[in-house]
Amino acid sequence: MKPMHLFLLLALILTLSLSNTSCTKEDPPSACCDCLKEATQSGKGTMSMKINGKPWSNCNPSNPGYGTVGVAKEQTKFAINGRRLYDNVESKEDMYILVPYLQLGEYQGFKGKYFFRLFFTNSPTYGSSEFATDTSKPSHLFITKFDENNRIVSGIFDCWMIEKDGGIDTATLHITEGRFDTKF
């Protein structure tokens, strides 16, 4: 089976299984939860994924009105960012997807080291560290909605990441079941 067909099949299976692993519909988009948020395409302001099998979602417990997912657009380059803030203002986790020339469907463009980046700052789980795309392993980004009129971008992703320090004990992260839905 071709890699794209396999990825599309896995995306379909992921979509079908979301009802068993999603946060409840009552949760506001910025609520902290250790579950995967529902995959939507309405600009809801969500990002979720599994990091080494553990659910991660954007959140901001102290100020639920503050959006923790967004897009910075510079001409044709998009930086999609999901953030998890903690009550301690110096503790946060940031996931970035840097995409030149955003397009609907599977992204086939350049997937360099900084295609996916994940920063941990005084994280209760991961301490302080920076991870970037492990280019020796496969990564996928599939844009499921790109609506320039309503300014909505949604997608699914998976990747392997490696700690940027490059030392002997360099840690790796496996990101699976990734999804985002936001306005730009």
Protein backbone atom coordinates (compact mmCIF):
# COMPACT_ATOMS: atom_id res chain seq x y z
CA MET A 1 0.00 0.00 0.00
CA LYS A 2 1.36 3.44 -0.92
CA PRO A 3 2.36 5.67 2.03
CA MET A 4 -0.29 8.31 1.17
CA HIS A 5 -3.05 5.68 1.01
CA LEU A 6 -1.88 4.25 4.34
CA PHE A 7 -1.87 7.75 5.88
CA LEU A 8 -5.39 8.47 4.59
CA LEU A 9 -6.60 5.13 5.96
CA LEU A 10 -5.04 5.92 9.35
CA ALA A 11 -6.64 9.39 9.28
CA LEU A 12 -10.05 7.81 8.67
CA ILE A 13 -9.56 5.33 11.52
CA LEU A 14 -8.47 8.21 13.78
CA THR A 15 -11.57 10.21 12.91
CA LEU A 16 -13.84 7.24 13.62
CA SER A 17 -12.20 6.54 16.96
CA LEU A 18 -12.39 10.10 18.30
CA SER A 19 -15.69 9.59 20.08
CA ASN A 20 -13.93 7.25 22.52
CA THR A 21 -10.98 9.54 23.28
CA SER A 22 -12.30 13.11 23.07
CA CYS A 23 -13.00 15.63 25.77
CA THR A 24 -16.65 16.11 26.54
CA LYS A 25 -18.69 18.50 24.41
CA GLU A 26 -19.26 20.61 27.52
CA ASP A 27 -15.56 21.48 27.81
CA PRO A 28 -14.82 25.02 26.57
CA PRO A 29 -12.20 25.12 23.75
CA SER A 30 -9.51 26.42 26.14
CA ALA A 31 -10.21 23.94 28.95
CA CYS A 32 -7.30 21.91 30.23
CA CYS A 33 -7.85 18.22 29.83
CA ASP A 34 -5.76 15.11 29.57
CA CYS A 35 -7.75 13.80 26.64
CA LEU A 36 -7.94 14.48 22.93
CA LYS A 37 -10.24 17.27 21.85
CA GLU A 38 -12.78 16.61 19.18
CA ALA A 39 -11.59 16.93 15.56
CA THR A 40 -13.51 19.89 14.12
CA GLN A 41 -13.23 22.17 11.10
CA SER A 42 -14.99 25.29 12.35
CA GLY A 43 -12.09 27.41 13.65
CA LYS A 44 -12.75 26.29 17.22
CA GLY A 45 -9.24 27.07 18.49
CA THR A 46 -8.12 23.59 19.48
CA MET A 47 -4.98 21.47 19.18
CA SER A 48 -4.60 17.95 20.54
CA MET A 49 -2.18 15.07 20.09
CA LYS A 50 -0.66 12.13 21.88
CA ILE A 51 2.93 12.54 23.03
CA ASN A 52 4.42 9.06 23.49
CA GLY A 53 0.86 7.76 23.90
CA LYS A 54 -0.22 10.36 26.50
CA PRO A 55 -2.97 12.83 25.46
CA TRP A 56 -2.02 16.52 25.25
CA SER A 57 -4.38 19.42 24.48
CA ASN A 58 -4.03 23.18 24.42
CA CYS A 59 -5.30 24.84 27.58
CA ASN A 60 -5.13 27.82 29.87
CA PRO A 61 -6.75 27.06 33.24
CA SER A 62 -6.38 30.52 34.79
CA ASN A 63 -7.93 32.49 31.91
CA PRO A 64 -10.26 30.38 29.75
CA GLY A 65 -11.09 33.41 27.57
CA TYR A 66 -7.51 33.58 26.26
CA GLY A 67 -7.02 31.63 23.03
CA THR A 68 -4.24 29.07 23.20
CA VAL A 69 -4.19 28.09 19.51
CA GLY A 70 -3.46 30.44 16.67
CA VAL A 71 -1.74 31.06 13.37
CA ALA A 72 0.87 33.64 12.50
CA LYS A 73 0.78 34.28 8.75
CA GLU A 74 3.66 35.92 6.92
CA GLN A 75 2.86 36.13 3.19
CA THR A 76 2.77 32.42 2.22
CA LYS A 77 4.27 31.01 5.45
CA PHE A 78 2.02 29.80 8.28
CA ALA A 79 3.09 29.12 11.87
CA ILE A 80 0.36 27.10 13.60
CA ASN A 81 0.82 27.19 17.38
CA GLY A 82 -0.86 25.31 20.22
CA ARG A 83 -0.08 26.30 23.81
CA ARG A 84 -0.60 24.67 27.15
CA LEU A 85 -0.29 27.12 30.04
CA TYR A 86 -0.21 26.26 33.72
CA ASP A 87 -1.25 28.25 36.78
CA ASN A 88 2.41 29.06 37.30
CA VAL A 89 3.02 31.73 34.63
CA GLU A 90 6.53 30.46 34.04
CA SER A 91 5.36 26.97 33.05
CA LYS A 92 4.15 26.32 29.51
CA GLU A 93 4.35 23.95 26.55
CA ASP A 94 4.24 25.17 22.93
CA MET A 95 3.76 23.10 19.78
CA TYR A 96 4.57 24.80 16.45
CA ILE A 97 3.98 23.61 12.91
CA LEU A 98 5.82 25.86 10.43
CA VAL A 99 4.34 25.45 6.95
CA PRO A 100 5.42 27.35 3.85
CA TYR A 101 2.72 27.43 1.16
CA LEU A 102 -0.23 25.98 3.03
CA GLN A 103 -2.52 23.90 0.79
CA LEU A 104 -5.48 21.58 1.14
CA GLY A 105 -4.58 17.87 1.31
CA GLU A 106 -1.36 16.16 2.29
CA TYR A 107 1.51 18.61 2.61
CA GLN A 108 4.24 17.51 0.20
CA GLY A 109 6.58 20.49 0.60
CA PHE A 110 9.82 20.88 2.51
CA LYS A 111 9.81 19.08 5.87
CA GLY A 112 13.03 20.20 7.48
CA LYS A 113 14.17 20.05 11.10
CA TYR A 114 11.90 22.93 12.17
CA PHE A 115 8.73 21.73 10.42
CA PHE A 116 7.46 20.57 13.85
CA ARG A 117 8.84 22.14 17.05
CA LEU A 118 7.86 21.60 20.66
CA PHE A 119 9.09 23.77 23.52
CA PHE A 120 8.75 22.91 27.20
CA THR A 121 9.37 25.67 29.75
CA ASN A 122 9.34 24.46 33.36
CA SER A 123 6.83 21.81 32.32
CA PRO A 124 5.61 19.60 35.18
CA THR A 125 6.02 16.57 32.91
CA TYR A 126 8.96 17.38 30.62
CA GLY A 127 11.03 20.04 32.43
CA SER A 128 12.62 22.61 30.11
CA SER A 129 13.67 21.42 26.67
CA GLU A 130 13.21 21.94 22.96
CA PHE A 131 12.34 19.28 20.40
CA ALA A 132 12.40 19.49 16.60
CA THR A 133 11.40 17.18 13.75
CA ASP A 134 13.48 14.01 13.51
CA THR A 135 14.04 14.13 9.75
CA SER A 136 15.30 10.54 9.70
CA LYS A 137 11.75 9.32 10.43
CA PRO A 138 8.45 9.93 8.63
CA SER A 139 6.19 12.88 9.43
CA HIS A 140 2.81 13.78 7.98
CA LEU A 141 0.63 16.85 7.82
CA PHE A 142 -2.78 16.66 6.15
CA ILE A 143 -4.72 19.93 5.84
CA THR A 144 -8.40 18.96 6.05
CA LYS A 145 -9.74 22.52 5.69
CA PHE A 146 -8.18 25.68 4.32
CA ASP A 147 -10.87 28.34 3.99
CA GLU A 148 -9.37 31.72 3.08
CA ASN A 149 -12.76 33.48 3.07
CA ASN A 150 -13.65 32.46 6.65
CA ARG A 151 -9.96 32.31 7.65
CA ILE A 152 -10.06 28.74 9.03
CA VAL A 153 -7.34 26.11 8.87
CA SER A 154 -7.73 22.57 10.24
CA GLY A 155 -5.59 19.49 9.93
CA ILE A 156 -4.16 16.26 11.28
CA PHE A 157 -0.52 15.33 11.81
CA ASP A 158 1.97 12.86 13.21
CA CYS A 159 5.75 12.97 13.54
CA TRP A 160 8.82 11.93 15.43
CA MET A 161 10.75 14.60 17.32
CA ILE A 162 14.23 14.67 18.78
CA GLU A 163 15.62 16.83 21.56
CA LYS A 164 17.58 19.70 20.07
CA ASP A 165 20.60 19.53 22.39
CA GLY A 166 21.94 16.58 20.37
CA GLY A 167 23.70 14.99 23.35
CA ILE A 168 24.30 11.30 23.92
CA ASP A 169 21.11 10.99 25.98
CA THR A 170 19.00 12.84 23.41
CA ALA A 171 15.33 12.08 24.04
CA THR A 172 12.75 11.40 21.33
CA LEU A 173 9.01 12.01 21.22
CA HIS A 174 6.48 10.22 19.05
CA ILE A 175 3.54 12.50 18.19
CA THR A 176 0.41 10.65 17.06
CA GLU A 177 -3.28 11.48 16.52
CA GLY A 178 -2.40 15.17 16.18
CA ARG A 179 -5.14 17.59 15.15
CA PHE A 180 -5.76 21.33 15.10
CA ASP A 181 -8.63 23.64 14.15
CA THR A 182 -8.15 27.41 14.30
CA LYS A 183 -8.70 30.76 12.65
CA PHE A 184 -5.96 32.84 11.07
